[in-house]
């Protein structure tokens, strides 16, 4: 069973890698999860759409607070507490703007990616992480260029896995079952360039 942040399903990965049969499904599931984790960790941003519950975020003076995954799903609930107090969140024109404490904002039209509190996010009691957020963020499916980068890395990881399995069988006469040790050298240059572009755009 793949993780919530896995970019693709097992069947999608098998179709891409032209894999038939089920004897290596567990290994492929693991590879999907590890490459998905790598992509998100590399870019410091969540991509696959999922729920984030009670995520605690650091204090900052700037009004714009960027969340762990983008875009923010404004059709789903967004709850925010600051220094222990619940805040009213404006998500769309259907909400009461006059009574809102926090606004869901977008740096680009149609891509809501931050919470805006005009007085900033510094807690009066000096709490270094006063913000707790629950929301749904990311996209499904993942954006095409990221998906392309993911598949490039997955292909390299899977070929490495097969090579290690063959080597293990030749040396021991048994079937290799362990996964490969992930190395940055397994990231193709074109995939690295894509991930680097997302990382460079990440706001911290």
Protein backbone atom coordinates (compact mmCIF):
# COMPACT_ATOMS: atom_id res chain seq x y z
CA UNK A 1 0.00 0.00 0.00
CA UNK A 2 1.49 3.32 -1.06
CA UNK A 3 1.80 6.35 1.20
CA UNK A 4 -0.58 9.31 1.04
CA UNK A 5 2.09 11.39 -0.71
CA UNK A 6 2.94 8.82 -3.38
CA UNK A 7 2.98 10.47 -6.80
CA UNK A 8 1.55 7.46 -8.63
CA UNK A 9 -0.22 4.20 -7.92
CA UNK A 10 1.44 0.80 -8.15
CA UNK A 11 -0.44 0.03 -11.38
CA UNK A 12 0.65 3.33 -12.96
CA UNK A 13 4.29 2.66 -12.07
CA UNK A 14 4.10 -0.87 -13.44
CA UNK A 15 2.63 0.41 -16.69
CA UNK A 16 5.42 2.98 -17.05
CA UNK A 17 8.17 0.46 -16.23
CA UNK A 18 6.54 -2.26 -18.39
CA UNK A 19 6.40 -4.63 -15.40
CA UNK A 20 4.17 -7.67 -15.52
CA UNK A 21 3.42 -10.03 -12.66
CA UNK A 22 3.16 -9.30 -8.96
CA UNK A 23 6.27 -10.89 -7.43
CA UNK A 24 8.05 -7.55 -6.99
CA UNK A 25 5.04 -5.40 -6.08
CA UNK A 26 6.23 -4.82 -2.52
CA UNK A 27 9.65 -3.61 -3.71
CA UNK A 28 8.09 -1.32 -6.30
CA UNK A 29 5.68 0.10 -3.72
CA UNK A 30 8.66 0.92 -1.54
CA UNK A 31 10.49 2.55 -4.44
CA UNK A 32 7.43 4.70 -5.27
CA UNK A 33 7.23 5.90 -1.68
CA UNK A 34 10.95 6.63 -1.42
CA UNK A 35 11.11 8.58 -4.67
CA UNK A 36 7.98 10.54 -3.73
CA UNK A 37 9.57 11.39 -0.36
CA UNK A 38 12.76 12.42 -2.14
CA UNK A 39 10.96 14.81 -4.50
CA UNK A 40 9.07 16.52 -1.69
CA UNK A 41 12.09 16.72 0.61
CA UNK A 42 14.27 18.06 -2.21
CA UNK A 43 11.79 20.83 -3.01
CA UNK A 44 10.73 21.40 0.62
CA UNK A 45 7.13 21.29 -0.57
CA UNK A 46 4.29 18.78 -0.62
CA UNK A 47 2.87 17.98 -4.04
CA UNK A 48 0.38 15.08 -3.91
CA UNK A 49 -3.02 16.27 -2.69
CA UNK A 50 -3.76 15.15 0.84
CA UNK A 51 -5.05 16.32 4.22
CA UNK A 52 -2.75 18.08 6.66
CA UNK A 53 -4.03 17.93 10.23
CA UNK A 54 -2.79 20.06 13.13
CA UNK A 55 0.41 21.16 11.39
CA UNK A 56 2.37 23.49 13.67
CA UNK A 57 4.21 26.32 11.95
CA UNK A 58 6.86 28.77 13.09
CA UNK A 59 6.27 32.38 14.04
CA UNK A 60 7.18 35.06 11.51
CA UNK A 61 6.70 38.80 11.15
CA UNK A 62 5.60 38.68 7.51
CA UNK A 63 1.82 38.66 6.87
CA UNK A 64 2.07 35.85 4.29
CA UNK A 65 2.41 32.37 5.77
CA UNK A 66 3.22 29.67 3.21
CA UNK A 67 1.96 26.17 3.96
CA UNK A 68 3.70 22.78 3.51
CA UNK A 69 1.75 21.96 0.32
CA UNK A 70 0.29 24.04 -2.50
CA UNK A 71 -2.24 24.89 -3.77
CA UNK A 72 -4.61 25.21 -0.82
CA UNK A 73 -7.96 23.55 -1.54
CA UNK A 74 -10.42 26.35 -0.75
CA UNK A 75 -13.38 24.02 -1.33
CA UNK A 76 -12.32 22.06 1.77
CA UNK A 77 -12.23 23.33 5.37
CA UNK A 78 -9.25 25.42 6.45
CA UNK A 79 -8.81 25.85 10.20
CA UNK A 80 -6.19 28.08 11.81
CA UNK A 81 -5.35 28.74 15.43
CA UNK A 82 -2.83 31.34 16.54
CA UNK A 83 -1.35 31.42 20.03
CA UNK A 84 -4.14 29.11 21.19
CA UNK A 85 -7.02 31.13 19.70
CA UNK A 86 -9.11 29.96 16.74
CA UNK A 87 -9.18 32.39 13.82
CA UNK A 88 -11.93 32.98 11.27
CA UNK A 89 -10.65 32.10 7.79
CA UNK A 90 -11.79 33.66 4.51
CA UNK A 91 -11.42 31.16 1.67
CA UNK A 92 -13.64 32.51 -1.11
CA UNK A 93 -16.32 35.08 -1.88
CA UNK A 94 -18.85 32.77 -0.23
CA UNK A 95 -17.28 33.55 3.17
CA UNK A 96 -17.85 36.62 5.32
CA UNK A 97 -14.88 38.83 4.58
CA UNK A 98 -15.69 41.44 7.21
CA UNK A 99 -15.36 39.02 10.12
CA UNK A 100 -12.28 37.17 8.84
CA UNK A 101 -9.01 37.18 10.78
CA UNK A 102 -7.06 35.31 8.11
CA UNK A 103 -7.34 35.35 4.32
CA UNK A 104 -6.35 32.57 1.91
CA UNK A 105 -4.23 34.33 -0.70
CA UNK A 106 -2.74 33.51 -4.08
CA UNK A 107 0.50 34.84 -5.55
CA UNK A 108 -0.83 33.69 -8.94
CA UNK A 109 -4.51 33.69 -9.96
CA UNK A 110 -6.25 30.42 -9.25
CA UNK A 111 -3.36 29.01 -7.18
CA UNK A 112 -4.04 29.83 -3.50
CA UNK A 113 -0.78 29.20 -1.68
CA UNK A 114 -0.62 31.17 1.57
CA UNK A 115 -2.49 32.50 4.58
CA UNK A 116 -2.44 36.24 5.14
CA UNK A 117 -2.78 37.87 8.57
CA UNK A 118 -2.15 41.58 8.28
CA UNK A 119 -0.58 41.86 11.73
CA UNK A 120 1.81 38.99 11.02
CA UNK A 121 2.40 35.77 12.90
CA UNK A 122 4.50 36.75 15.91
CA UNK A 123 2.88 35.56 19.15
CA UNK A 124 2.73 38.07 22.02
CA UNK A 125 3.99 35.40 24.43
CA UNK A 126 7.05 34.70 22.29
CA UNK A 127 5.93 31.19 21.25
CA UNK A 128 8.32 30.16 18.42
CA UNK A 129 5.62 28.02 16.74
CA UNK A 130 2.23 29.61 17.54
CA UNK A 131 0.33 28.59 14.38
CA UNK A 132 -1.62 25.34 14.00
CA UNK A 133 -3.24 24.67 10.63
CA UNK A 134 -5.48 21.94 9.23
CA UNK A 135 -6.26 21.99 5.51
CA UNK A 136 -6.11 20.07 2.23
CA UNK A 137 -3.26 20.92 -0.12
CA UNK A 138 -1.50 19.74 -3.25
CA UNK A 139 -2.73 18.46 -6.59
CA UNK A 140 -4.00 15.15 -7.94
CA UNK A 141 -2.58 14.26 -10.35
CA UNK A 142 0.82 15.81 -9.72
CA UNK A 143 1.92 18.46 -12.24
CA UNK A 144 3.30 17.07 -15.49
CA UNK A 145 6.90 18.29 -15.18
CA UNK A 146 7.16 16.92 -11.64
CA UNK A 147 5.63 13.63 -12.72
CA UNK A 148 8.19 13.40 -15.51
CA UNK A 149 11.01 14.02 -13.01
CA UNK A 150 9.54 11.42 -10.66
CA UNK A 151 9.41 8.77 -13.37
CA UNK A 152 12.98 9.51 -14.45
CA UNK A 153 14.20 8.93 -10.89
CA UNK A 154 11.97 5.90 -10.37
CA UNK A 155 13.35 4.33 -13.54
CA UNK A 156 16.92 4.79 -12.32
CA UNK A 157 16.11 3.44 -8.86
CA UNK A 158 14.29 0.44 -10.29
CA UNK A 159 17.09 -0.46 -12.69
CA UNK A 160 19.54 -0.25 -9.80
CA UNK A 161 17.29 -2.51 -7.78
CA UNK A 162 17.16 -5.09 -10.55
CA UNK A 163 20.95 -5.00 -10.95
CA UNK A 164 21.44 -5.58 -7.21
CA UNK A 165 18.91 -8.41 -7.28
CA UNK A 166 20.75 -10.13 -10.14
CA UNK A 167 24.12 -9.65 -8.39
CA UNK A 168 22.72 -11.08 -5.16
CA UNK A 169 21.32 -14.10 -6.95
CA UNK A 170 24.61 -14.74 -8.71
CA UNK A 171 26.60 -14.56 -5.48
CA UNK A 172 24.25 -16.49 -3.19
CA UNK A 173 21.92 -18.47 -5.40
CA UNK A 174 19.00 -16.76 -3.65
CA UNK A 175 16.52 -14.10 -4.68
CA UNK A 176 17.35 -10.58 -3.56
CA UNK A 177 14.59 -8.89 -1.61
CA UNK A 178 16.15 -5.78 -0.08
CA UNK A 179 15.92 -2.32 -1.58
CA UNK A 180 18.89 -0.35 -2.85
CA UNK A 181 20.60 2.37 -0.88
CA UNK A 182 19.38 5.65 -2.35
CA UNK A 183 22.11 7.93 -3.73
CA UNK A 184 21.93 11.37 -5.30
CA UNK A 185 23.67 9.88 -8.33
CA UNK A 186 20.39 8.09 -9.06
CA UNK A 187 18.77 11.46 -9.85
CA UNK A 188 19.08 12.16 -13.61
CA UNK A 189 20.25 15.67 -14.50
CA UNK A 190 16.98 16.68 -16.18
CA UNK A 191 14.99 15.56 -13.14
CA UNK A 192 17.39 17.40 -10.84
CA UNK A 193 16.92 20.60 -12.85
CA UNK A 194 13.14 20.32 -12.50
CA UNK A 195 13.31 19.72 -8.76
CA UNK A 196 15.83 22.52 -8.31
CA UNK A 197 13.51 24.96 -10.07
CA UNK A 198 10.72 24.15 -7.60
CA UNK A 199 13.08 24.39 -4.66
CA UNK A 200 14.40 27.77 -5.82
CA UNK A 201 10.82 29.09 -5.99
CA UNK A 202 9.97 27.82 -2.49
CA UNK A 203 9.29 30.57 0.05
CA UNK A 204 10.72 30.12 3.54
